[in-house]
Amino acid sequence: MRPMTEQLPPPFLLRRLAAMIYDTLLVLPIIMASVAVFMGVRTLLVGSPAADTVVQLDANLVRLVALSTLIGFFCWFWIKNGQTLGMQAWRIKLVNFKGEQPTARQSLLRCLGALLSAACLGLGYLWCLVDRNGRYWHDYISGTELMLLPKREKTKKTSD
């Protein structure tokens, strides 16, 4: 039996971008909530300021909380079933090169590699347009790849 990765094609770039936009709309409120919780916990631990002062967070701490939330979001979904909600909506699944569920290590490497791909002016993402396997840079870094799942067959309702 051939691995799943040989049977299913990679998704086109526009489908991937649509799933990214969908997931961005989902993860942004989660990031905002995690920063708010972090700010509340910090205020409780440090103590409440005078009534006329504003609690300020270090910008680097906010970035760290946001990045940790983002990585946690994607890793959790990929480890759980290989798909975020956006990927489910667009029939995209993350698998390793053997066609199996990605491990926690692979998911974390993929997230960190995706940051590198984005930091290089998005070239790591655009690489899928010239790669014969349709893979990103972070696919090679993590040993994972995206597959386009087939459409589900519609079931016909039978009348009595």
C-alpha atoms as a PDB file:
ATOM      1  CA  MET A   1       0.000   0.000   0.000  1.00  0.00           C
ATOM      2  CA  ARG A   2       1.341   3.427  -0.962  1.00  0.00           C
ATOM      3  CA  PRO A   3       1.649   6.162   1.667  1.00  0.00           C
ATOM      4  CA  MET A   4      -1.203   8.650   1.861  1.00  0.00           C
ATOM      5  CA  THR A   5       1.095  11.442   0.607  1.00  0.00           C
ATOM      6  CA  GLU A   6       1.458   9.709  -2.775  1.00  0.00           C
ATOM      7  CA  GLN A   7      -2.303   9.360  -3.211  1.00  0.00           C
ATOM      8  CA  LEU A   8      -3.435  12.904  -2.400  1.00  0.00           C
ATOM      9  CA  PRO A   9      -2.247  16.037  -4.216  1.00  0.00           C
ATOM     10  CA  PRO A  10      -0.975  19.170  -2.466  1.00  0.00           C
ATOM     11  CA  PRO A  11      -3.495  22.032  -2.261  1.00  0.00           C
ATOM     12  CA  PHE A  12      -3.118  25.070  -4.495  1.00  0.00           C
ATOM     13  CA  LEU A  13      -1.702  28.268  -2.992  1.00  0.00           C
ATOM     14  CA  LEU A  14      -5.044  30.144  -2.998  1.00  0.00           C
ATOM     15  CA  ARG A  15      -6.719  27.351  -1.026  1.00  0.00           C
ATOM     16  CA  ARG A  16      -3.845  27.453   1.475  1.00  0.00           C
ATOM     17  CA  LEU A  17      -4.152  31.233   1.788  1.00  0.00           C
ATOM     18  CA  ALA A  18      -7.914  30.970   2.345  1.00  0.00           C
ATOM     19  CA  ALA A  19      -7.331  28.488   5.189  1.00  0.00           C
ATOM     20  CA  MET A  20      -4.698  30.845   6.665  1.00  0.00           C
ATOM     21  CA  ILE A  21      -7.130  33.773   6.614  1.00  0.00           C
ATOM     22  CA  TYR A  22      -9.820  31.637   8.248  1.00  0.00           C
ATOM     23  CA  ASP A  23      -7.414  30.527  10.984  1.00  0.00           C
ATOM     24  CA  THR A  24      -6.173  34.094  11.487  1.00  0.00           C
ATOM     25  CA  LEU A  25      -9.734  35.218  12.187  1.00  0.00           C
ATOM     26  CA  LEU A  26     -10.013  32.429  14.765  1.00  0.00           C
ATOM     27  CA  VAL A  27      -6.654  32.859  16.494  1.00  0.00           C
ATOM     28  CA  LEU A  28      -6.659  36.672  16.844  1.00  0.00           C
ATOM     29  CA  PRO A  29      -9.404  36.745  19.512  1.00  0.00           C
ATOM     30  CA  ILE A  30      -7.637  33.900  21.329  1.00  0.00           C
ATOM     31  CA  ILE A  31      -4.408  35.920  21.317  1.00  0.00           C
ATOM     32  CA  MET A  32      -6.265  38.986  22.618  1.00  0.00           C
ATOM     33  CA  ALA A  33      -7.849  36.942  25.406  1.00  0.00           C
ATOM     34  CA  SER A  34      -4.535  35.368  26.411  1.00  0.00           C
ATOM     35  CA  VAL A  35      -2.838  38.791  26.569  1.00  0.00           C
ATOM     36  CA  ALA A  36      -5.750  40.113  28.670  1.00  0.00           C
ATOM     37  CA  VAL A  37      -5.484  37.137  31.049  1.00  0.00           C
ATOM     38  CA  PHE A  38      -1.725  37.608  31.248  1.00  0.00           C
ATOM     39  CA  MET A  39      -2.201  41.299  32.026  1.00  0.00           C
ATOM     40  CA  GLY A  40      -4.746  40.459  34.740  1.00  0.00           C
ATOM     41  CA  VAL A  41      -2.473  37.865  36.342  1.00  0.00           C
ATOM     42  CA  ARG A  42       0.462  40.259  36.197  1.00  0.00           C
ATOM     43  CA  THR A  43      -1.611  42.982  37.861  1.00  0.00           C
ATOM     44  CA  LEU A  44      -2.669  40.579  40.629  1.00  0.00           C
ATOM     45  CA  LEU A  45       0.901  39.445  41.240  1.00  0.00           C
ATOM     46  CA  VAL A  46       2.549  42.873  41.088  1.00  0.00           C
ATOM     47  CA  GLY A  47      -0.242  44.616  42.912  1.00  0.00           C
ATOM     48  CA  SER A  48      -2.849  47.049  41.861  1.00  0.00           C
ATOM     49  CA  PRO A  49      -1.559  50.473  40.856  1.00  0.00           C
ATOM     50  CA  ALA A  50      -2.902  53.730  42.126  1.00  0.00           C
ATOM     51  CA  ALA A  51      -6.275  54.668  40.706  1.00  0.00           C
ATOM     52  CA  ASP A  52      -4.807  57.300  38.409  1.00  0.00           C
ATOM     53  CA  THR A  53      -2.083  55.114  36.858  1.00  0.00           C
ATOM     54  CA  VAL A  54      -2.301  52.686  33.972  1.00  0.00           C
ATOM     55  CA  VAL A  55      -0.865  49.182  34.069  1.00  0.00           C
ATOM     56  CA  GLN A  56       1.549  48.789  31.191  1.00  0.00           C
ATOM     57  CA  LEU A  57       2.954  45.579  29.879  1.00  0.00           C
ATOM     58  CA  ASP A  58       6.381  45.202  28.428  1.00  0.00           C
ATOM     59  CA  ALA A  59       5.930  44.984  24.652  1.00  0.00           C
ATOM     60  CA  ASN A  60       8.290  42.020  24.475  1.00  0.00           C
ATOM     61  CA  LEU A  61       6.191  40.120  27.022  1.00  0.00           C
ATOM     62  CA  VAL A  62       3.068  40.792  24.966  1.00  0.00           C
ATOM     63  CA  ARG A  63       4.855  39.507  21.853  1.00  0.00           C
ATOM     64  CA  LEU A  64       5.980  36.408  23.734  1.00  0.00           C
ATOM     65  CA  VAL A  65       2.454  35.685  24.977  1.00  0.00           C
ATOM     66  CA  ALA A  66       1.024  36.247  21.482  1.00  0.00           C
ATOM     67  CA  LEU A  67       3.652  34.024  19.846  1.00  0.00           C
ATOM     68  CA  SER A  68       3.193  31.294  22.459  1.00  0.00           C
ATOM     69  CA  THR A  69      -0.575  31.394  21.934  1.00  0.00           C
ATOM     70  CA  LEU A  70      -0.173  31.225  18.156  1.00  0.00           C
ATOM     71  CA  ILE A  71       2.218  28.270  18.319  1.00  0.00           C
ATOM     72  CA  GLY A  72       0.023  26.533  20.899  1.00  0.00           C
ATOM     73  CA  PHE A  73      -3.069  26.996  18.706  1.00  0.00           C
ATOM     74  CA  PHE A  74      -1.524  25.413  15.628  1.00  0.00           C
ATOM     75  CA  CYS A  75       0.387  22.669  17.442  1.00  0.00           C
ATOM     76  CA  TRP A  76      -2.704  21.617  19.396  1.00  0.00           C
ATOM     77  CA  PHE A  77      -4.834  21.245  16.247  1.00  0.00           C
ATOM     78  CA  TRP A  78      -2.090  19.553  14.215  1.00  0.00           C
ATOM     79  CA  ILE A  79      -1.268  17.048  16.954  1.00  0.00           C
ATOM     80  CA  LYS A  80      -4.953  16.374  17.639  1.00  0.00           C
ATOM     81  CA  ASN A  81      -6.078  15.596  14.080  1.00  0.00           C
ATOM     82  CA  GLY A  82      -3.724  17.223  11.554  1.00  0.00           C
ATOM     83  CA  GLN A  83      -6.154  20.045  10.779  1.00  0.00           C
ATOM     84  CA  THR A  84      -7.012  23.468  12.113  1.00  0.00           C
ATOM     85  CA  LEU A  85     -10.588  24.678  11.662  1.00  0.00           C
ATOM     86  CA  GLY A  86      -9.558  26.636   8.562  1.00  0.00           C
ATOM     87  CA  MET A  87      -7.871  23.563   7.136  1.00  0.00           C
ATOM     88  CA  GLN A  88     -11.023  21.527   7.786  1.00  0.00           C
ATOM     89  CA  ALA A  89     -13.132  24.099   5.954  1.00  0.00           C
ATOM     90  CA  TRP A  90     -10.808  24.004   2.932  1.00  0.00           C
ATOM     91  CA  ARG A  91     -10.175  20.205   3.012  1.00  0.00           C
ATOM     92  CA  ILE A  92      -6.467  20.480   3.807  1.00  0.00           C
ATOM     93  CA  LYS A  93      -4.676  18.060   6.121  1.00  0.00           C
ATOM     94  CA  LEU A  94      -1.179  18.083   7.578  1.00  0.00           C
ATOM     95  CA  VAL A  95       0.662  14.758   7.512  1.00  0.00           C
ATOM     96  CA  ASN A  96       4.275  13.717   7.843  1.00  0.00           C
ATOM     97  CA  PHE A  97       6.167  12.413   4.816  1.00  0.00           C
ATOM     98  CA  LYS A  98       4.971   8.871   5.622  1.00  0.00           C
ATOM     99  CA  GLY A  99       1.327  10.004   5.521  1.00  0.00           C
ATOM    100  CA  GLU A 100       0.909   9.723   9.293  1.00  0.00           C
ATOM    101  CA  GLN A 101      -0.255  12.141  11.973  1.00  0.00           C
ATOM    102  CA  PRO A 102       2.457  14.745  12.754  1.00  0.00           C
ATOM    103  CA  THR A 103       4.222  14.449  16.104  1.00  0.00           C
ATOM    104  CA  ALA A 104       4.504  17.238  18.669  1.00  0.00           C
ATOM    105  CA  ARG A 105       8.126  17.788  17.614  1.00  0.00           C
ATOM    106  CA  GLN A 106       7.175  18.030  13.941  1.00  0.00           C
ATOM    107  CA  SER A 107       4.347  20.437  14.738  1.00  0.00           C
ATOM    108  CA  LEU A 108       6.632  22.691  16.768  1.00  0.00           C
ATOM    109  CA  LEU A 109       9.329  22.603  14.080  1.00  0.00           C
ATOM    110  CA  ARG A 110       6.694  23.463  11.485  1.00  0.00           C
ATOM    111  CA  CYS A 111       5.563  26.516  13.483  1.00  0.00           C
ATOM    112  CA  LEU A 112       9.116  27.754  13.975  1.00  0.00           C
ATOM    113  CA  GLY A 113       9.935  27.055  10.329  1.00  0.00           C
ATOM    114  CA  ALA A 114       6.812  28.938   9.242  1.00  0.00           C
ATOM    115  CA  LEU A 115       8.080  31.979  11.135  1.00  0.00           C
ATOM    116  CA  LEU A 116      11.359  31.683   9.224  1.00  0.00           C
ATOM    117  CA  SER A 117       9.474  31.302   5.926  1.00  0.00           C
ATOM    118  CA  ALA A 118       7.485  34.452   6.669  1.00  0.00           C
ATOM    119  CA  ALA A 119      10.527  36.392   7.912  1.00  0.00           C
ATOM    120  CA  CYS A 120      12.207  35.913   4.522  1.00  0.00           C
ATOM    121  CA  LEU A 121       9.582  38.165   2.895  1.00  0.00           C
ATOM    122  CA  GLY A 122       7.278  35.176   2.498  1.00  0.00           C
ATOM    123  CA  LEU A 123       9.660  33.352   0.166  1.00  0.00           C
ATOM    124  CA  GLY A 124       9.314  30.163   2.179  1.00  0.00           C
ATOM    125  CA  TYR A 125       5.586  30.199   1.466  1.00  0.00           C
ATOM    126  CA  LEU A 126       5.957  31.075  -2.202  1.00  0.00           C
ATOM    127  CA  TRP A 127       8.385  28.191  -2.578  1.00  0.00           C
ATOM    128  CA  CYS A 128       5.404  25.838  -3.065  1.00  0.00           C
ATOM    129  CA  LEU A 129       4.879  27.442  -6.486  1.00  0.00           C
ATOM    130  CA  VAL A 130       8.243  26.180  -7.781  1.00  0.00           C
ATOM    131  CA  ASP A 131       8.706  23.034  -5.684  1.00  0.00           C
ATOM    132  CA  ARG A 132       7.827  19.865  -7.597  1.00  0.00           C
ATOM    133  CA  ASN A 133       6.132  18.470  -4.457  1.00  0.00           C
ATOM    134  CA  GLY A 134       4.260  21.715  -3.709  1.00  0.00           C
ATOM    135  CA  ARG A 135       5.969  22.068  -0.332  1.00  0.00           C
ATOM    136  CA  TYR A 136       6.911  25.090   1.762  1.00  0.00           C
ATOM    137  CA  TRP A 137      10.359  25.507   3.339  1.00  0.00           C
ATOM    138  CA  HIS A 138       8.874  24.629   6.711  1.00  0.00           C
ATOM    139  CA  ASP A 139       7.533  21.384   5.262  1.00  0.00           C
ATOM    140  CA  TYR A 140      11.124  20.296   4.665  1.00  0.00           C
ATOM    141  CA  ILE A 141      12.265  21.591   8.053  1.00  0.00           C
ATOM    142  CA  SER A 142       9.556  19.636   9.902  1.00  0.00           C
ATOM    143  CA  GLY A 143       9.155  16.595   7.659  1.00  0.00           C
ATOM    144  CA  THR A 144       5.488  17.403   7.090  1.00  0.00           C
ATOM    145  CA  GLU A 145       3.347  18.409   4.136  1.00  0.00           C
ATOM    146  CA  LEU A 146      -0.158  19.555   3.270  1.00  0.00           C
ATOM    147  CA  MET A 147      -2.539  17.307   1.371  1.00  0.00           C
ATOM    148  CA  LEU A 148      -5.812  18.182  -0.340  1.00  0.00           C
ATOM    149  CA  LEU A 149      -8.517  15.843   0.899  1.00  0.00           C
ATOM    150  CA  PRO A 150     -11.100  14.544  -1.582  1.00  0.00           C
ATOM    151  CA  LYS A 151     -14.603  15.935  -1.574  1.00  0.00           C
ATOM    152  CA  ARG A 152     -17.103  14.027   0.521  1.00  0.00           C
ATOM    153  CA  GLU A 153     -19.729  12.246  -1.451  1.00  0.00           C
ATOM    154  CA  LYS A 154     -23.158  13.669  -0.877  1.00  0.00           C
ATOM    155  CA  THR A 155     -25.645  11.208   0.486  1.00  0.00           C
ATOM    156  CA  LYS A 156     -28.996  11.123  -1.232  1.00  0.00           C
ATOM    157  CA  LYS A 157     -32.070  11.285   0.917  1.00  0.00           C
ATOM    158  CA  THR A 158     -34.475   8.496   0.222  1.00  0.00           C
ATOM    159  CA  SER A 159     -38.183   9.150   0.343  1.00  0.00           C
ATOM    160  CA  ASP A 160     -40.519   6.592   1.903  1.00  0.00           C
END
